Amino acid sequence: QSLKNRQSWMNSNGGCTAEEKNTLNSRINKRVQELEEDMEST
């Protein structure tokens, strides 16, 4: 939830460039996916 909230903040008013948002969104999405898989499997 913290990762998703931070991502939402960054995408709406964080001041990051489009390229930076793409980089950070990719990192956050990958980590959220890993954590959601951990939730499912464990």
Full PDB file with SEQRES, HELIX, SHEET, SSBOND, CRYST1, ORIGX, SCALE, CONECT and MASTER records, all heavy atoms in Angstrom:
SEQRES   1 A   42  GLN SER LEU LYS ASN ARG GLN SER TRP MET ASN SER ASN          
SEQRES   2 A   42  GLY GLY CYS THR ALA GLU GLU LYS ASN THR LEU ASN SER          
SEQRES   3 A   42  ARG ILE ASN LYS ARG VAL GLN GLU LEU GLU GLU ASP MET          
SEQRES   4 A   42  GLU SER THR                                                  
HELIX    1 AA1 SER A    2  ASN A   13  1                                  12    
HELIX    2 AA2 ALA A   18  SER A   41  1                                  24    
CRYST1    1.000    1.000    1.000  90.00  90.00  90.00 P 1           1          
ORIGX1      1.000000  0.000000  0.000000        0.00000                         
ORIGX2      0.000000  1.000000  0.000000        0.00000                         
ORIGX3      0.000000  0.000000  1.000000        0.00000                         
SCALE1      1.000000  0.000000  0.000000        0.00000                         
SCALE2      0.000000  1.000000  0.000000        0.00000                         
SCALE3      0.000000  0.000000  1.000000        0.00000                         
ATOM      1  N   GLN A   1       0.831  -1.213   0.000  1.00  0.00           N  
ATOM      2  CA  GLN A   1       0.000   0.000   0.000  1.00  0.00           C  
ATOM      3  C   GLN A   1       0.863   1.261   0.000  1.00  0.00           C  
ATOM      4  O   GLN A   1       0.556   2.225  -0.698  1.00  0.00           O  
ATOM      5  CB  GLN A   1      -0.955   0.005   1.190  1.00  0.00           C  
ATOM      6  CG  GLN A   1      -2.016   1.074   1.082  1.00  0.00           C  
ATOM      7  CD  GLN A   1      -2.841   0.951  -0.203  1.00  0.00           C  
ATOM      8  OE1 GLN A   1      -3.397  -0.087  -0.505  1.00  0.00           O  
ATOM      9  NE2 GLN A   1      -2.900   2.032  -0.968  1.00  0.00           N  
ATOM     10  N   SER A   2       1.943   1.250   0.755  1.00  0.00           N  
ATOM     11  CA  SER A   2       2.849   2.405   0.779  1.00  0.00           C  
ATOM     12  C   SER A   2       3.455   2.646  -0.593  1.00  0.00           C  
ATOM     13  O   SER A   2       3.558   3.801  -1.043  1.00  0.00           O  
ATOM     14  CB  SER A   2       3.968   2.177   1.807  1.00  0.00           C  
ATOM     15  OG  SER A   2       3.449   2.166   3.112  1.00  0.00           O  
ATOM     16  N   LEU A   3       3.861   1.580  -1.270  1.00  0.00           N  
ATOM     17  CA  LEU A   3       4.430   1.729  -2.616  1.00  0.00           C  
ATOM     18  C   LEU A   3       3.403   2.308  -3.581  1.00  0.00           C  
ATOM     19  O   LEU A   3       3.719   3.213  -4.361  1.00  0.00           O  
ATOM     20  CB  LEU A   3       4.933   0.371  -3.127  1.00  0.00           C  
ATOM     21  CG  LEU A   3       6.194  -0.173  -2.459  1.00  0.00           C  
ATOM     22  CD1 LEU A   3       6.426  -1.620  -2.865  1.00  0.00           C  
ATOM     23  CD2 LEU A   3       7.407   0.677  -2.797  1.00  0.00           C  
ATOM     24  N   LYS A   4       2.190   1.814  -3.507  1.00  0.00           N  
ATOM     25  CA  LYS A   4       1.133   2.318  -4.396  1.00  0.00           C  
ATOM     26  C   LYS A   4       0.805   3.782  -4.095  1.00  0.00           C  
ATOM     27  O   LYS A   4       0.594   4.577  -5.025  1.00  0.00           O  
ATOM     28  CB  LYS A   4      -0.115   1.453  -4.281  1.00  0.00           C  
ATOM     29  CG  LYS A   4       0.057   0.075  -4.902  1.00  0.00           C  
ATOM     30  CD  LYS A   4      -1.193  -0.772  -4.734  1.00  0.00           C  
ATOM     31  CE  LYS A   4      -1.053  -2.119  -5.417  1.00  0.00           C  
ATOM     32  NZ  LYS A   4      -2.270  -2.948  -5.274  1.00  0.00           N  
ATOM     33  N   ASN A   5       0.781   4.138  -2.815  1.00  0.00           N  
ATOM     34  CA  ASN A   5       0.518   5.532  -2.448  1.00  0.00           C  
ATOM     35  C   ASN A   5       1.626   6.447  -2.942  1.00  0.00           C  
ATOM     36  O   ASN A   5       1.357   7.547  -3.442  1.00  0.00           O  
ATOM     37  CB  ASN A   5       0.371   5.676  -0.934  1.00  0.00           C  
ATOM     38  CG  ASN A   5      -0.904   5.059  -0.402  1.00  0.00           C  
ATOM     39  OD1 ASN A   5      -1.830   4.761  -1.141  1.00  0.00           O  
ATOM     40  ND2 ASN A   5      -0.939   4.830   0.907  1.00  0.00           N  
ATOM     41  N   ARG A   6       2.866   6.016  -2.782  1.00  0.00           N  
ATOM     42  CA  ARG A   6       4.007   6.827  -3.238  1.00  0.00           C  
ATOM     43  C   ARG A   6       3.964   6.977  -4.746  1.00  0.00           C  
ATOM     44  O   ARG A   6       4.238   8.047  -5.285  1.00  0.00           O  
ATOM     45  CB  ARG A   6       5.312   6.175  -2.784  1.00  0.00           C  
ATOM     46  CG  ARG A   6       6.512   7.047  -2.969  1.00  0.00           C  
ATOM     47  CD  ARG A   6       6.382   8.291  -2.113  1.00  0.00           C  
ATOM     48  NE  ARG A   6       7.645   8.990  -2.088  1.00  0.00           N  
ATOM     49  CZ  ARG A   6       7.828  10.124  -1.495  1.00  0.00           C  
ATOM     50  NH1 ARG A   6       6.835  10.689  -0.841  1.00  0.00           N  
ATOM     51  NH2 ARG A   6       8.985  10.721  -1.522  1.00  0.00           N  
ATOM     52  N   GLN A   7       3.611   5.918  -5.434  1.00  0.00           N  
ATOM     53  CA  GLN A   7       3.516   5.950  -6.887  1.00  0.00           C  
ATOM     54  C   GLN A   7       2.428   6.924  -7.332  1.00  0.00           C  
ATOM     55  O   GLN A   7       2.639   7.723  -8.253  1.00  0.00           O  
ATOM     56  CB  GLN A   7       3.224   4.544  -7.413  1.00  0.00           C  
ATOM     57  CG  GLN A   7       3.196   4.430  -8.918  1.00  0.00           C  
ATOM     58  CD  GLN A   7       3.015   2.996  -9.357  1.00  0.00           C  
ATOM     59  OE1 GLN A   7       2.259   2.231  -8.756  1.00  0.00           O  
ATOM     60  NE2 GLN A   7       3.727   2.617 -10.406  1.00  0.00           N  
ATOM     61  N   SER A   8       1.301   6.886  -6.672  1.00  0.00           N  
ATOM     62  CA  SER A   8       0.201   7.787  -7.004  1.00  0.00           C  
ATOM     63  C   SER A   8       0.615   9.242  -6.792  1.00  0.00           C  
ATOM     64  O   SER A   8       0.357  10.098  -7.640  1.00  0.00           O  
ATOM     65  CB  SER A   8      -1.012   7.433  -6.146  1.00  0.00           C  
ATOM     66  OG  SER A   8      -2.061   8.320  -6.395  1.00  0.00           O  
ATOM     67  N   TRP A   9       1.261   9.518  -5.651  1.00  0.00           N  
ATOM     68  CA  TRP A   9       1.740  10.867  -5.375  1.00  0.00           C  
ATOM     69  C   TRP A   9       2.707  11.330  -6.455  1.00  0.00           C  
ATOM     70  O   TRP A   9       2.586  12.438  -6.990  1.00  0.00           O  
ATOM     71  CB  TRP A   9       2.421  10.917  -4.005  1.00  0.00           C  
ATOM     72  CG  TRP A   9       3.113  12.221  -3.751  1.00  0.00           C  
ATOM     73  CD1 TRP A   9       2.558  13.358  -3.257  1.00  0.00           C  
ATOM     74  CD2 TRP A   9       4.481  12.538  -4.021  1.00  0.00           C  
ATOM     75  NE1 TRP A   9       3.494  14.352  -3.186  1.00  0.00           N  
ATOM     76  CE2 TRP A   9       4.683  13.887  -3.664  1.00  0.00           C  
ATOM     77  CE3 TRP A   9       5.559  11.817  -4.542  1.00  0.00           C  
ATOM     78  CZ2 TRP A   9       5.922  14.517  -3.798  1.00  0.00           C  
ATOM     79  CZ3 TRP A   9       6.786  12.455  -4.689  1.00  0.00           C  
ATOM     80  CH2 TRP A   9       6.954  13.786  -4.312  1.00  0.00           C  
ATOM     81  N   MET A  10       3.665  10.472  -6.782  1.00  0.00           N  
ATOM     82  CA  MET A  10       4.680  10.824  -7.772  1.00  0.00           C  
ATOM     83  C   MET A  10       4.045  11.112  -9.126  1.00  0.00           C  
ATOM     84  O   MET A  10       4.413  12.075  -9.793  1.00  0.00           O  
ATOM     85  CB  MET A  10       5.690   9.680  -7.909  1.00  0.00           C  
ATOM     86  CG  MET A  10       6.731   9.904  -8.986  1.00  0.00           C  
ATOM     87  SD  MET A  10       7.633   8.406  -9.417  1.00  0.00           S  
ATOM     88  CE  MET A  10       6.370   7.400 -10.165  1.00  0.00           C  
ATOM     89  N   ASN A  11       3.075  10.298  -9.519  1.00  0.00           N  
ATOM     90  CA  ASN A  11       2.455  10.471 -10.833  1.00  0.00           C  
ATOM     91  C   ASN A  11       1.548  11.685 -10.909  1.00  0.00           C  
ATOM     92  O   ASN A  11       1.335  12.232 -11.982  1.00  0.00           O  
ATOM     93  CB  ASN A  11       1.686   9.207 -11.223  1.00  0.00           C  
ATOM     94  CG  ASN A  11       2.613   8.078 -11.613  1.00  0.00           C  
ATOM     95  OD1 ASN A  11       3.660   8.290 -12.199  1.00  0.00           O  
ATOM     96  ND2 ASN A  11       2.232   6.859 -11.272  1.00  0.00           N  
ATOM     97  N   SER A  12       1.036  12.125  -9.766  1.00  0.00           N  
ATOM     98  CA  SER A  12       0.111  13.256  -9.808  1.00  0.00           C  
ATOM     99  C   SER A  12       0.777  14.599  -9.549  1.00  0.00           C  
ATOM    100  O   SER A  12       0.414  15.587 -10.158  1.00  0.00           O  
ATOM    101  CB  SER A  12      -1.036  13.051  -8.813  1.00  0.00           C  
ATOM    102  OG  SER A  12      -0.535  12.981  -7.496  1.00  0.00           O  
ATOM    103  N   ASN A  13       1.752  14.652  -8.644  1.00  0.00           N  
ATOM    104  CA  ASN A  13       2.322  15.968  -8.346  1.00  0.00           C  
ATOM    105  C   ASN A  13       3.749  15.911  -7.820  1.00  0.00           C  
ATOM    106  O   ASN A  13       4.168  16.789  -7.093  1.00  0.00           O  
ATOM    107  CB  ASN A  13       1.441  16.709  -7.338  1.00  0.00           C  
ATOM    108  CG  ASN A  13       1.287  15.944  -6.038  1.00  0.00           C  
ATOM    109  OD1 ASN A  13       1.950  14.945  -5.803  1.00  0.00           O  
ATOM    110  ND2 ASN A  13       0.406  16.423  -5.183  1.00  0.00           N  
ATOM    111  N   GLY A  14       4.479  14.919  -8.177  1.00  0.00           N  
ATOM    112  CA  GLY A  14       5.812  14.756  -7.618  1.00  0.00           C  
ATOM    113  C   GLY A  14       6.883  15.653  -8.196  1.00  0.00           C  
ATOM    114  O   GLY A  14       7.883  15.915  -7.555  1.00  0.00           O  
ATOM    115  N   GLY A  15       6.734  16.105  -9.419  1.00  0.00           N  
ATOM    116  CA  GLY A  15       7.761  16.931 -10.032  1.00  0.00           C  
ATOM    117  C   GLY A  15       8.808  16.149 -10.800  1.00  0.00           C  
ATOM    118  O   GLY A  15       9.833  16.696 -11.218  1.00  0.00           O  
ATOM    119  N   CYS A  16       8.588  14.852 -10.995  1.00  0.00           N  
ATOM    120  CA  CYS A  16       9.516  14.032 -11.775  1.00  0.00           C  
ATOM    121  C   CYS A  16       9.240  14.233 -13.264  1.00  0.00           C  
ATOM    122  O   CYS A  16       8.109  14.509 -13.663  1.00  0.00           O  
ATOM    123  CB  CYS A  16       9.333  12.551 -11.435  1.00  0.00           C  
ATOM    124  SG  CYS A  16       9.870  12.066  -9.788  1.00  0.00           S  
ATOM    125  N   THR A  17      10.276  14.063 -14.070  1.00  0.00           N  
ATOM    126  CA  THR A  17      10.103  14.124 -15.522  1.00  0.00           C  
ATOM    127  C   THR A  17       9.399  12.857 -15.991  1.00  0.00           C  
ATOM    128  O   THR A  17       9.307  11.872 -15.257  1.00  0.00           O  
ATOM    129  CB  THR A  17      11.463  14.228 -16.239  1.00  0.00           C  
ATOM    130  OG1 THR A  17      12.183  13.000 -16.042  1.00  0.00           O  
ATOM    131  CG2 THR A  17      12.284  15.406 -15.738  1.00  0.00           C  
ATOM    132  N   ALA A  18       8.904  12.870 -17.216  1.00  0.00           N  
ATOM    133  CA  ALA A  18       8.217  11.696 -17.773  1.00  0.00           C  
ATOM    134  C   ALA A  18       9.149  10.486 -17.791  1.00  0.00           C  
ATOM    135  O   ALA A  18       8.741   9.375 -17.440  1.00  0.00           O  
ATOM    136  CB  ALA A  18       7.705  12.010 -19.174  1.00  0.00           C  
ATOM    137  N   GLU A  19      10.390  10.690 -18.162  1.00  0.00           N  
ATOM    138  CA  GLU A  19      11.354   9.579 -18.198  1.00  0.00           C  
ATOM    139  C   GLU A  19      11.621   9.035 -16.790  1.00  0.00           C  
ATOM    140  O   GLU A  19      11.696   7.823 -16.583  1.00  0.00           O  
ATOM    141  CB  GLU A  19      12.662  10.047 -18.841  1.00  0.00           C  
ATOM    142  CG  GLU A  19      13.687   8.938 -18.997  1.00  0.00           C  
ATOM    143  CD  GLU A  19      14.963   9.397 -19.683  1.00  0.00           C  
ATOM    144  OE1 GLU A  19      14.924  10.389 -20.453  1.00  0.00           O  
ATOM    145  OE2 GLU A  19      16.000   8.769 -19.439  1.00  0.00           O  
ATOM    146  N   GLU A  20      11.740   9.946 -15.824  1.00  0.00           N  
ATOM    147  CA  GLU A  20      11.955   9.522 -14.443  1.00  0.00           C  
ATOM    148  C   GLU A  20      10.749   8.744 -13.920  1.00  0.00           C  
ATOM    149  O   GLU A  20      10.894   7.722 -13.245  1.00  0.00           O  
ATOM    150  CB  GLU A  20      12.238  10.730 -13.555  1.00  0.00           C  
ATOM    151  CG  GLU A  20      13.580  11.373 -13.808  1.00  0.00           C  
ATOM    152  CD  GLU A  20      13.769  12.681 -13.060  1.00  0.00           C  
ATOM    153  OE1 GLU A  20      12.769  13.332 -12.684  1.00  0.00           O  
ATOM    154  OE2 GLU A  20      14.934  13.060 -12.856  1.00  0.00           O  
ATOM    155  N   LYS A  21       9.550   9.231 -14.255  1.00  0.00           N  
ATOM    156  CA  LYS A  21       8.338   8.520 -13.838  1.00  0.00           C  
ATOM    157  C   LYS A  21       8.308   7.112 -14.418  1.00  0.00           C  
ATOM    158  O   LYS A  21       7.946   6.164 -13.723  1.00  0.00           O  
ATOM    159  CB  LYS A  21       7.083   9.292 -14.252  1.00  0.00           C  
ATOM    160  CG  LYS A  21       6.805  10.513 -13.419  1.00  0.00           C  
ATOM    161  CD  LYS A  21       5.542  11.210 -13.900  1.00  0.00           C  
ATOM    162  CE  LYS A  21       5.303  12.485 -13.118  1.00  0.00           C  
ATOM    163  NZ  LYS A  21       4.101  13.201 -13.571  1.00  0.00           N  
ATOM    164  N   ASN A  22       8.684   6.985 -15.687  1.00  0.00           N  
ATOM    165  CA  ASN A  22       8.719   5.664 -16.318  1.00  0.00           C  
ATOM    166  C   ASN A  22       9.679   4.736 -15.579  1.00  0.00           C  
ATOM    167  O   ASN A  22       9.346   3.574 -15.301  1.00  0.00           O  
ATOM    168  CB  ASN A  22       9.121   5.764 -17.792  1.00  0.00           C  
ATOM    169  CG  ASN A  22       8.019   6.332 -18.658  1.00  0.00           C  
ATOM    170  OD1 ASN A  22       6.849   6.314 -18.289  1.00  0.00           O  
ATOM    171  ND2 ASN A  22       8.393   6.850 -19.812  1.00  0.00           N  
ATOM    172  N   THR A  23      10.854   5.248 -15.250  1.00  0.00           N  
ATOM    173  CA  THR A  23      11.853   4.448 -14.537  1.00  0.00           C  
ATOM    174  C   THR A  23      11.342   4.033 -13.164  1.00  0.00           C  
ATOM    175  O   THR A  23      11.426   2.860 -12.780  1.00  0.00           O  
ATOM    176  CB  THR A  23      13.164   5.257 -14.385  1.00  0.00           C  
ATOM    177  OG1 THR A  23      13.671   5.564 -15.695  1.00  0.00           O  
ATOM    178  CG2 THR A  23      14.216   4.489 -13.601  1.00  0.00           C  
ATOM    179  N   LEU A  24      10.806   4.996 -12.414  1.00  0.00           N  
ATOM    180  CA  LEU A  24      10.331   4.710 -11.061  1.00  0.00           C  
ATOM    181  C   LEU A  24       9.070   3.847 -11.076  1.00  0.00           C  
ATOM    182  O   LEU A  24       8.927   2.942 -10.240  1.00  0.00           O  
ATOM    183  CB  LEU A  24      10.089   6.017 -10.303  1.00  0.00           C  
ATOM    184  CG  LEU A  24      11.359   6.821 -10.000  1.00  0.00           C  
ATOM    185  CD1 LEU A  24      11.003   8.225  -9.530  1.00  0.00           C  
ATOM    186  CD2 LEU A  24      12.236   6.102  -8.978  1.00  0.00           C  
ATOM    187  N   ASN A  25       8.165   4.101 -12.009  1.00  0.00           N  
ATOM    188  CA  ASN A  25       6.958   3.272 -12.119  1.00  0.00           C  
ATOM    189  C   ASN A  25       7.323   1.828 -12.412  1.00  0.00           C  
ATOM    190  O   ASN A  25       6.730   0.908 -11.849  1.00  0.00           O  
ATOM    191  CB  ASN A  25       6.009   3.813 -13.193  1.00  0.00           C  
ATOM    192  CG  ASN A  25       5.132   4.923 -12.687  1.00  0.00           C  
ATOM    193  OD1 ASN A  25       4.642   4.889 -11.566  1.00  0.00           O  
ATOM    194  ND2 ASN A  25       4.925   5.935 -13.523  1.00  0.00           N  
ATOM    195  N   SER A  26       8.298   1.642 -13.277  1.00  0.00           N  
ATOM    196  CA  SER A  26       8.754   0.291 -13.593  1.00  0.00           C  
ATOM    197  C   SER A  26       9.303  -0.397 -12.347  1.00  0.00           C  
ATOM    198  O   SER A  26       8.978  -1.557 -12.068  1.00  0.00           O  
ATOM    199  CB  SER A  26       9.823   0.351 -14.688  1.00  0.00           C  
ATOM    200  OG  SER A  26      10.325  -0.931 -14.940  1.00  0.00           O  
ATOM    201  N   ARG A  27      10.120   0.313 -11.595  1.00  0.00           N  
ATOM    202  CA  ARG A  27      10.690  -0.248 -10.362  1.00  0.00           C  
ATOM    203  C   ARG A  27       9.588  -0.575  -9.345  1.00  0.00           C  
ATOM    204  O   ARG A  27       9.582  -1.652  -8.742  1.00  0.00           O  
ATOM    205  CB  ARG A  27      11.690   0.743  -9.769  1.00  0.00           C  
ATOM    206  CG  ARG A  27      12.287   0.273  -8.467  1.00  0.00           C  
ATOM    207  CD  ARG A  27      13.306   1.238  -7.913  1.00  0.00           C  
ATOM    208  NE  ARG A  27      13.684   0.838  -6.565  1.00  0.00           N  
ATOM    209  CZ  ARG A  27      14.529   1.509  -5.809  1.00  0.00           C  
ATOM    210  NH1 ARG A  27      15.109   2.606  -6.268  1.00  0.00           N  
ATOM    211  NH2 ARG A  27      14.810   1.091  -4.593  1.00  0.00           N  
ATOM    212  N   ILE A  28       8.660   0.359  -9.153  1.00  0.00           N  
ATOM    213  CA  ILE A  28       7.589   0.150  -8.178  1.00  0.00           C  
ATOM    214  C   ILE A  28       6.682  -0.997  -8.627  1.00  0.00           C  
ATOM    215  O   ILE A  28       6.339  -1.876  -7.828  1.00  0.00           O  
ATOM    216  CB  ILE A  28       6.784   1.448  -7.960  1.00  0.00           C  
ATOM    217  CG1 ILE A  28       7.657   2.494  -7.246  1.00  0.00           C  
ATOM    218  CG2 ILE A  28       5.507   1.173  -7.176  1.00  0.00           C  
ATOM    219  CD1 ILE A  28       7.058   3.894  -7.214  1.00  0.00           C  
ATOM    220  N   ASN A  29       6.288  -1.002  -9.896  1.00  0.00           N  
ATOM    221  CA  ASN A  29       5.404  -2.053 -10.396  1.00  0.00           C  
ATOM    222  C   ASN A  29       6.038  -3.434 -10.248  1.00  0.00           C  
ATOM    223  O   ASN A  29       5.358  -4.390  -9.870  1.00  0.00           O  
ATOM    224  CB  ASN A  29       5.024  -1.804 -11.855  1.00  0.00           C  
ATOM    225  CG  ASN A  29       4.085  -0.627 -12.015  1.00  0.00           C  
ATOM    226  OD1 ASN A  29       3.384  -0.236 -11.088  1.00  0.00           O  
ATOM    227  ND2 ASN A  29       4.088  -0.035 -13.197  1.00  0.00           N  
ATOM    228  N   LYS A  30       7.328  -3.523 -10.533  1.00  0.00           N  
ATOM    229  CA  LYS A  30       8.038  -4.800 -10.395  1.00  0.00           C  
ATOM    230  C   LYS A  30       8.030  -5.253  -8.940  1.00  0.00           C  
ATOM    231  O   LYS A  30       7.762  -6.418  -8.641  1.00  0.00           O  
ATOM    232  CB  LYS A  30       9.468  -4.659 -10.908  1.00  0.00           C  
ATOM    233  CG  LYS A  30      10.273  -5.939 -10.807  1.00  0.00           C  
ATOM    234  CD  LYS A  30      11.688  -5.770 -11.345  1.00  0.00           C  
ATOM    235  CE  LYS A  30      12.410  -7.101 -11.221  1.00  0.00           C  
ATOM    236  NZ  LYS A  30      13.807  -6.962 -10.990  1.00  0.00           N  
ATOM    237  N   ARG A  31       8.306  -4.335  -8.025  1.00  0.00           N  
ATOM    238  CA  ARG A  31       8.353  -4.702  -6.605  1.00  0.00           C  
ATOM    239  C   ARG A  31       6.967  -5.074  -6.088  1.00  0.00           C  
ATOM    240  O   ARG A  31       6.827  -6.049  -5.341  1.00  0.00           O  
ATOM    241  CB  ARG A  31       8.942  -3.541  -5.779  1.00  0.00           C  
ATOM    242  CG  ARG A  31       9.198  -3.923  -4.337  1.00  0.00           C  
ATOM    243  CD  ARG A  31      10.239  -5.034  -4.246  1.00  0.00           C  
ATOM    244  NE  ARG A  31      10.418  -5.455  -2.882  1.00  0.00           N  
ATOM    245  CZ  ARG A  31      10.353  -6.731  -2.479  1.00  0.00           C  
ATOM    246  NH1 ARG A  31      10.130  -7.687  -3.341  1.00  0.00           N  
ATOM    247  NH2 ARG A  31      10.533  -7.032  -1.214  1.00  0.00           N  
ATOM    248  N   VAL A  32       5.941  -4.326  -6.481  1.00  0.00           N  
ATOM    249  CA  VAL A  32       4.571  -4.652  -6.061  1.00  0.00           C  
ATOM    250  C   VAL A  32       4.191  -6.038  -6.579  1.00  0.00           C  
ATOM    251  O   VAL A  32       3.604  -6.849  -5.845  1.00  0.00           O  
ATOM    252  CB  VAL A  32       3.569  -3.572  -6.528  1.00  0.00           C  
ATOM    253  CG1 VAL A  32       2.127  -4.050  -6.389  1.00  0.00           C  
ATOM    254  CG2 VAL A  32       3.776  -2.284  -5.740  1.00  0.00           C  
ATOM    255  N   GLN A  33       4.542  -6.339  -7.818  1.00  0.00           N  
ATOM    256  CA  GLN A  33       4.236  -7.653  -8.381  1.00  0.00           C  
ATOM    257  C   GLN A  33       4.928  -8.762  -7.577  1.00  0.00           C  
ATOM    258  O   GLN A  33       4.309  -9.785  -7.261  1.00  0.00           O  
ATOM    259  CB  GLN A  33       4.656  -7.731  -9.841  1.00  0.00           C  
ATOM    260  CG  GLN A  33       4.345  -9.073 -10.482  1.00  0.00           C  
ATOM    261  CD  GLN A  33       4.753  -9.159 -11.935  1.00  0.00           C  
ATOM    262  OE1 GLN A  33       5.215  -8.197 -12.534  1.00  0.00           O  
ATOM    263  NE2 GLN A  33       4.594 -10.333 -12.521  1.00  0.00           N  
ATOM    264  N   GLU A  34       6.194  -8.552  -7.225  1.00  0.00           N  
ATOM    265  CA  GLU A  34       6.914  -9.536  -6.412  1.00  0.00           C  
ATOM    266  C   GLU A  34       6.236  -9.738  -5.062  1.00  0.00           C  
ATOM    267  O   GLU A  34       6.062 -10.873  -4.599  1.00  0.00           O  
ATOM    268  CB  GLU A  34       8.366  -9.095  -6.187  1.00  0.00           C  
ATOM    269  CG  GLU A  34       9.216  -9.088  -7.426  1.00  0.00           C  
ATOM    270  CD  GLU A  34      10.553  -8.365  -7.229  1.00  0.00           C  
ATOM    271  OE1 GLU A  34      10.757  -7.699  -6.185  1.00  0.00           O  
ATOM    272  OE2 GLU A  34      11.389  -8.457  -8.134  1.00  0.00           O  
ATOM    273  N   LEU A  35       5.857  -8.646  -4.435  1.00  0.00           N  
ATOM    274  CA  LEU A  35       5.216  -8.723  -3.118  1.00  0.00           C  
ATOM    275  C   LEU A  35       3.837  -9.386  -3.199  1.00  0.00           C  
ATOM    276  O   LEU A  35       3.463 -10.156  -2.317  1.00  0.00           O  
ATOM    277  CB  LEU A  35       5.106  -7.326  -2.501  1.00  0.00           C  
ATOM    278  CG  LEU A  35       6.432  -6.679  -2.120  1.00  0.00           C  
ATOM    279  CD1 LEU A  35       6.246  -5.186  -1.861  1.00  0.00           C  
ATOM    280  CD2 LEU A  35       7.053  -7.367  -0.920  1.00  0.00           C  
ATOM    281  N   GLU A  36       3.082  -9.083  -4.257  1.00  0.00           N  
ATOM    282  CA  GLU A  36       1.772  -9.711  -4.430  1.00  0.00           C  
ATOM    283  C   GLU A  36       1.915 -11.208  -4.681  1.00  0.00           C  
ATOM    284  O   GLU A  36       1.100 -12.005  -4.215  1.00  0.00           O  
ATOM    285  CB  GLU A  36       0.983  -9.013  -5.541  1.00  0.00           C  
ATOM    286  CG  GLU A  36       0.500  -7.641  -5.098  1.00  0.00           C  
ATOM    287  CD  GLU A  36      -0.195  -6.838  -6.176  1.00  0.00           C  
ATOM    288  OE1 GLU A  36      -0.026  -7.148  -7.391  1.00  0.00           O  
ATOM    289  OE2 GLU A  36      -0.912  -5.878  -5.817  1.00  0.00           O  
ATOM    290  N   GLU A  37       2.969 -11.610  -5.381  1.00  0.00           N  
ATOM    291  CA  GLU A  37       3.240 -13.032  -5.575  1.00  0.00           C  
ATOM    292  C   GLU A  37       3.600 -13.682  -4.238  1.00  0.00           C  
ATOM    293  O   GLU A  37       3.181 -14.813  -3.961  1.00  0.00           O  
ATOM    294  CB  GLU A  37       4.359 -13.231  -6.599  1.00  0.00           C  
ATOM    295  CG  GLU A  37       3.920 -12.917  -8.018  1.00  0.00           C  
ATOM    296  CD  GLU A  37       5.064 -12.879  -9.022  1.00  0.00           C  
ATOM    297  OE1 GLU A  37       6.226 -13.159  -8.643  1.00  0.00           O  
ATOM    298  OE2 GLU A  37       4.801 -12.570 -10.201  1.00  0.00           O  
ATOM    299  N   ASP A  38       4.363 -12.972  -3.413  1.00  0.00           N  
ATOM    300  CA  ASP A  38       4.679 -13.474  -2.067  1.00  0.00           C  
ATOM    301  C   ASP A  38       3.402 -13.638  -1.246  1.00  0.00           C  
ATOM    302  O   ASP A  38       3.254 -14.607  -0.494  1.00  0.00           O  
ATOM    303  CB  ASP A  38       5.626 -12.522  -1.324  1.00  0.00           C  
ATOM    304  CG  ASP A  38       7.044 -12.530  -1.878  1.00  0.00           C  
ATOM    305  OD1 ASP A  38       7.377 -13.434  -2.673  1.00  0.00           O  
ATOM    306  OD2 ASP A  38       7.813 -11.629  -1.505  1.00  0.00           O  
ATOM    307  N   MET A  39       2.480 -12.689  -1.377  1.00  0.00           N  
ATOM    308  CA  MET A  39       1.208 -12.776  -0.651  1.00  0.00           C  
ATOM    309  C   MET A  39       0.468 -14.042  -1.067  1.00  0.00           C  
ATOM    310  O   MET A  39      -0.019 -14.788  -0.225  1.00  0.00           O  
ATOM    311  CB  MET A  39       0.329 -11.553  -0.926  1.00  0.00           C  
ATOM    312  CG  MET A  39       0.796 -10.267  -0.272  1.00  0.00           C  
ATOM    313  SD  MET A  39       0.745 -10.288   1.526  1.00  0.00           S  
ATOM    314  CE  MET A  39      -1.008 -10.445   1.824  1.00  0.00           C  
ATOM    315  N   GLU A  40       0.398 -14.279  -2.373  1.00  0.00           N  
ATOM    316  CA  GLU A  40      -0.328 -15.440  -2.897  1.00  0.00           C  
ATOM    317  C   GLU A  40       0.323 -16.747  -2.464  1.00  0.00           C  
ATOM    318  O   GLU A  40      -0.355 -17.659  -2.008  1.00  0.00           O  
ATOM    319  CB  GLU A  40      -0.311 -15.393  -4.431  1.00  0.00           C  
ATOM    320  CG  GLU A  40      -1.559 -15.130  -5.194  1.00  0.00           C  
ATOM    321  CD  GLU A  40      -2.875 -15.289  -4.515  1.00  0.00           C  
ATOM    322  OE1 GLU A  40      -3.404 -16.415  -4.504  1.00  0.00           O  
ATOM    323  OE2 GLU A  40      -3.426 -14.306  -4.026  1.00  0.00           O  
ATOM    324  N   SER A  41       1.635 -16.839  -2.610  1.00  0.00           N  
ATOM    325  CA  SER A  41       2.319 -18.116  -2.383  1.00  0.00           C  
ATOM    326  C   SER A  41       2.604 -18.398  -0.911  1.00  0.00           C  
ATOM    327  O   SER A  41       2.720 -19.555  -0.525  1.00  0.00           O  
ATOM    328  CB  SER A  41       3.634 -18.151  -3.169  1.00  0.00           C  
ATOM    329  OG  SER A  41       4.540 -17.192  -2.653  1.00  0.00           O  
ATOM    330  N   THR A  42       2.707 -17.359  -0.094  1.00  0.00           N  
ATOM    331  CA  THR A  42       3.151 -17.576   1.289  1.00  0.00           C  
ATOM    332  C   THR A  42       2.232 -16.942   2.321  1.00  0.00           C  
ATOM    333  O   THR A  42       1.631 -17.639   3.130  1.00  0.00           O  
ATOM    334  CB  THR A  42       4.582 -17.018   1.479  1.00  0.00           C  
ATOM    335  OG1 THR A  42       5.441 -17.605   0.494  1.00  0.00           O  
ATOM    336  CG2 THR A  42       5.110 -17.323   2.871  1.00  0.00           C  
TER     337      THR A  42                                                      
MASTER        0    0    0    2    0    0    0    6  336    1    0    4          
END                                                                             
